[in-house]
Amino acid sequence: MTFESIDTYDNSITNAIKSHYKDIIHNIGENQNREGLLDTPKRAAKAMQFLTQGYDMNPAEILRGAMFAESYNEMVLVKDIELYSLCEHHMLPFFGKAHVAYIPNGHIVGLSKIPRVVDVFSRRLQVQERLTDQILDCINSTLEPKGVAVVIEASHMCMMMRGVQKQNSLTTTSGFRGTFEKMETRNEFLKLIDSKLS
């Protein structure tokens, strides 16, 4: 699931962000009037708006718009959901995969809505720990299922490009609510994440 490109931008916001990027280019010692950089502030301003568009979206409404009464009461798992976010500490990308499961309690949700929820929270300035909790809490409070589980595995450019500069490190965070707090259900979820069903 990927976000569609934004076709229109608020000109006042674009111009405000653009002026800051122009100053950044100048202050790092580059020639802001060089041909290759002339349109960079505007492009960067639009890119930042795209990468943070999750602030303008309501993930609970996304879920409520596709909830259906259903008696199914076994685990529903959507795994390997690609995610891209910006670390709020350095505003560098982190990216990876989210695995989300829930056990219905009278309602199911359209499967595409779970990746949408992941995208909404990812498209904000984030830390991986909060991102995990926000996805978990949104699904839990909106669907009111018997249980919810979220695992995120991500690589952080702030660790790879700067700082400790560790290229192969992977950060894993997890959260569990309801029946997933029981070891048996949690282990089933973790086993399904690792499995390669054909």
Protein backbone atom coordinates (compact mmCIF):
# COMPACT_ATOMS: atom_id res chain seq x y z
CA MET A 1 0.00 0.00 0.00
CA THR A 2 1.46 3.34 -1.04
CA PHE A 3 0.10 6.84 -0.78
CA GLU A 4 -1.06 8.49 -3.98
CA SER A 5 0.80 11.59 -5.05
CA ILE A 6 -0.59 14.88 -3.82
CA ASP A 7 -1.75 16.88 -6.85
CA THR A 8 -2.30 20.20 -5.07
CA TYR A 9 -0.36 21.93 -2.33
CA ASP A 10 -1.19 24.91 -0.16
CA ASN A 11 0.87 27.66 -1.77
CA SER A 12 1.38 29.59 1.46
CA ILE A 13 2.73 26.50 3.24
CA THR A 14 4.88 25.55 0.24
CA ASN A 15 6.37 29.04 0.05
CA ALA A 16 7.05 29.17 3.80
CA ILE A 17 8.84 25.80 3.79
CA LYS A 18 10.63 26.70 0.54
CA SER A 19 12.18 29.81 2.08
CA HIS A 20 13.60 27.73 4.94
CA TYR A 21 15.11 25.19 2.56
CA LYS A 22 16.66 28.04 0.58
CA ASP A 23 18.29 29.31 3.78
CA ILE A 24 19.52 25.80 4.64
CA ILE A 25 21.15 25.42 1.22
CA HIS A 26 22.88 28.78 1.68
CA ASN A 27 23.94 28.10 5.28
CA ILE A 28 25.61 24.77 4.49
CA GLY A 29 27.83 26.58 1.99
CA GLU A 30 26.12 25.78 -1.31
CA ASN A 31 25.28 28.23 -4.06
CA GLN A 32 21.50 28.47 -3.93
CA ASN A 33 21.51 30.05 -7.41
CA ARG A 34 23.32 27.14 -9.03
CA GLU A 35 21.24 25.68 -11.87
CA GLY A 36 20.76 22.29 -10.26
CA LEU A 37 19.53 23.88 -7.01
CA LEU A 38 17.22 26.59 -8.33
CA ASP A 39 14.04 24.51 -7.91
CA THR A 40 15.31 22.34 -5.04
CA PRO A 41 13.69 24.42 -2.24
CA LYS A 42 10.27 24.13 -3.87
CA ARG A 43 10.69 20.41 -4.60
CA ALA A 44 11.89 19.78 -1.04
CA ALA A 45 8.94 21.73 0.36
CA LYS A 46 6.50 19.60 -1.59
CA ALA A 47 8.34 16.42 -0.62
CA MET A 48 8.13 17.34 3.07
CA GLN A 49 4.39 17.94 2.76
CA PHE A 50 3.99 14.56 1.09
CA LEU A 51 6.08 12.77 3.71
CA THR A 52 4.07 14.30 6.56
CA GLN A 53 0.57 14.17 5.07
CA GLY A 54 -0.53 11.78 7.82
CA TYR A 55 -1.23 14.79 10.05
CA ASP A 56 -4.20 15.65 7.83
CA MET A 57 -5.78 12.17 7.96
CA ASN A 58 -7.94 10.43 10.54
CA PRO A 59 -7.02 6.72 10.80
CA ALA A 60 -10.04 5.88 12.97
CA GLU A 61 -12.36 7.23 10.26
CA ILE A 62 -10.53 5.11 7.69
CA LEU A 63 -11.27 1.99 9.75
CA ARG A 64 -14.87 2.96 10.52
CA GLY A 65 -15.51 3.49 6.81
CA ALA A 66 -14.99 -0.22 6.11
CA MET A 67 -16.21 -2.09 9.19
CA PHE A 68 -18.55 -5.01 8.62
CA ALA A 69 -20.52 -7.17 11.04
CA GLU A 70 -19.09 -10.69 10.86
CA SER A 71 -19.02 -13.71 13.15
CA TYR A 72 -15.45 -14.74 12.20
CA ASN A 73 -13.42 -14.92 15.41
CA GLU A 74 -9.99 -16.25 14.43
CA MET A 75 -6.80 -14.28 13.83
CA VAL A 76 -6.61 -11.90 10.87
CA LEU A 77 -3.01 -11.08 9.95
CA VAL A 78 -1.69 -8.58 7.42
CA LYS A 79 2.08 -8.91 7.32
CA ASP A 80 5.00 -7.37 5.45
CA ILE A 81 3.32 -3.96 5.17
CA GLU A 82 5.94 -1.60 3.78
CA LEU A 83 6.36 1.57 5.79
CA TYR A 84 8.37 4.75 5.34
CA SER A 85 8.66 7.40 8.01
CA LEU A 86 10.84 10.26 9.23
CA CYS A 87 12.74 10.09 12.50
CA GLU A 88 11.72 13.10 14.55
CA HIS A 89 15.20 13.47 16.05
CA HIS A 90 17.14 14.01 12.80
CA MET A 91 14.37 14.11 10.18
CA LEU A 92 16.06 11.25 8.35
CA PRO A 93 14.07 8.30 6.98
CA PHE A 94 13.44 5.01 8.65
CA PHE A 95 11.78 2.23 6.71
CA GLY A 96 10.81 -1.40 7.01
CA LYS A 97 7.80 -3.61 7.51
CA ALA A 98 4.85 -3.76 9.86
CA HIS A 99 2.95 -6.91 10.79
CA VAL A 100 -0.54 -6.33 12.17
CA ALA A 101 -3.04 -8.88 13.48
CA TYR A 102 -6.37 -8.72 15.26
CA ILE A 103 -9.00 -11.15 16.47
CA PRO A 104 -12.48 -9.88 15.56
CA ASN A 105 -15.19 -9.34 18.14
CA GLY A 106 -18.25 -9.06 15.93
CA HIS A 107 -16.69 -6.84 13.27
CA ILE A 108 -14.02 -7.18 10.62
CA VAL A 109 -12.45 -4.40 8.57
CA GLY A 110 -11.54 -4.17 4.90
CA LEU A 111 -8.02 -5.55 4.59
CA SER A 112 -6.64 -2.54 2.73
CA LYS A 113 -7.55 -0.30 5.66
CA ILE A 114 -4.91 -1.80 7.94
CA PRO A 115 -2.02 -0.74 5.65
CA ARG A 116 -3.74 2.65 5.32
CA VAL A 117 -3.63 3.07 9.09
CA VAL A 118 0.06 2.15 9.08
CA ASP A 119 0.68 4.76 6.37
CA VAL A 120 -1.25 7.51 8.16
CA PHE A 121 0.83 7.19 11.31
CA SER A 122 4.06 6.63 9.35
CA ARG A 123 3.62 9.84 7.37
CA ARG A 124 4.40 11.97 10.42
CA LEU A 125 7.55 12.83 12.35
CA GLN A 126 7.94 9.68 14.40
CA VAL A 127 9.86 7.37 16.64
CA GLN A 128 9.34 3.68 15.99
CA GLU A 129 8.15 2.99 19.52
CA ARG A 130 5.32 5.55 19.31
CA LEU A 131 4.42 4.46 15.79
CA THR A 132 3.91 0.90 17.08
CA ASP A 133 1.67 2.08 19.91
CA GLN A 134 -0.37 4.43 17.73
CA ILE A 135 -1.22 1.71 15.20
CA LEU A 136 -2.05 -0.70 18.01
CA ASP A 137 -4.20 1.73 19.98
CA CYS A 138 -6.10 2.99 16.93
CA ILE A 139 -7.12 -0.52 15.84
CA ASN A 140 -7.90 -1.54 19.40
CA SER A 141 -10.10 1.46 20.23
CA THR A 142 -11.88 1.61 16.85
CA LEU A 143 -12.57 -2.06 16.10
CA GLU A 144 -12.77 -3.14 19.76
CA PRO A 145 -11.47 -6.61 18.84
CA LYS A 146 -10.63 -9.42 21.23
CA GLY A 147 -6.96 -8.63 20.69
CA VAL A 148 -4.47 -6.72 18.56
CA ALA A 149 -0.78 -7.31 17.82
CA VAL A 150 1.73 -5.11 16.01
CA VAL A 151 5.39 -5.81 15.20
CA ILE A 152 7.55 -3.33 13.28
CA GLU A 153 11.00 -4.09 11.88
CA ALA A 154 12.85 -1.05 10.52
CA SER A 155 16.21 0.31 9.45
CA HIS A 156 17.04 3.86 10.53
CA MET A 157 19.12 6.14 8.34
CA CYS A 158 20.11 8.16 11.41
CA MET A 159 22.02 5.06 12.56
CA MET A 160 23.26 4.10 9.09
CA MET A 161 24.36 7.46 7.63
CA ARG A 162 25.54 9.23 10.79
CA GLY A 163 26.13 8.50 14.46
CA VAL A 164 27.23 4.89 14.94
CA GLN A 165 27.04 4.24 11.16
CA LYS A 166 25.92 0.62 11.51
CA GLN A 167 24.67 -0.52 8.11
CA ASN A 168 23.03 -3.82 9.00
CA SER A 169 21.21 -2.98 12.21
CA LEU A 170 17.48 -3.61 12.43
CA THR A 171 15.18 -2.28 15.14
CA THR A 172 12.17 -4.36 16.18
CA THR A 173 9.29 -3.05 18.29
CA SER A 174 6.12 -4.85 19.33
CA GLY A 175 2.85 -4.26 21.11
CA PHE A 176 0.06 -6.59 22.22
CA ARG A 177 -3.45 -6.06 23.56
CA GLY A 178 -6.19 -8.41 24.74
CA THR A 179 -5.84 -12.06 23.82
CA PHE A 180 -2.38 -11.44 22.31
CA GLU A 181 -1.12 -10.87 25.83
CA LYS A 182 -1.52 -14.61 26.31
CA MET A 183 1.65 -16.43 25.35
CA GLU A 184 -0.11 -19.07 23.22
CA THR A 185 -1.82 -16.50 20.97
CA ARG A 186 1.28 -14.32 20.82
CA ASN A 187 3.43 -17.28 19.77
CA GLU A 188 0.95 -18.20 17.02
CA PHE A 189 1.17 -14.64 15.70
CA LEU A 190 4.99 -14.60 15.78
CA LYS A 191 5.13 -17.99 14.08
CA LEU A 192 2.83 -16.77 11.28
CA ILE A 193 5.04 -13.70 10.75
CA ASP A 194 8.07 -15.93 10.21
CA SER A 195 6.31 -18.48 8.03
CA LYS A 196 6.47 -18.50 4.25
CA LEU A 197 3.13 -19.95 3.20
CA SER A 198 2.94 -21.08 -0.43
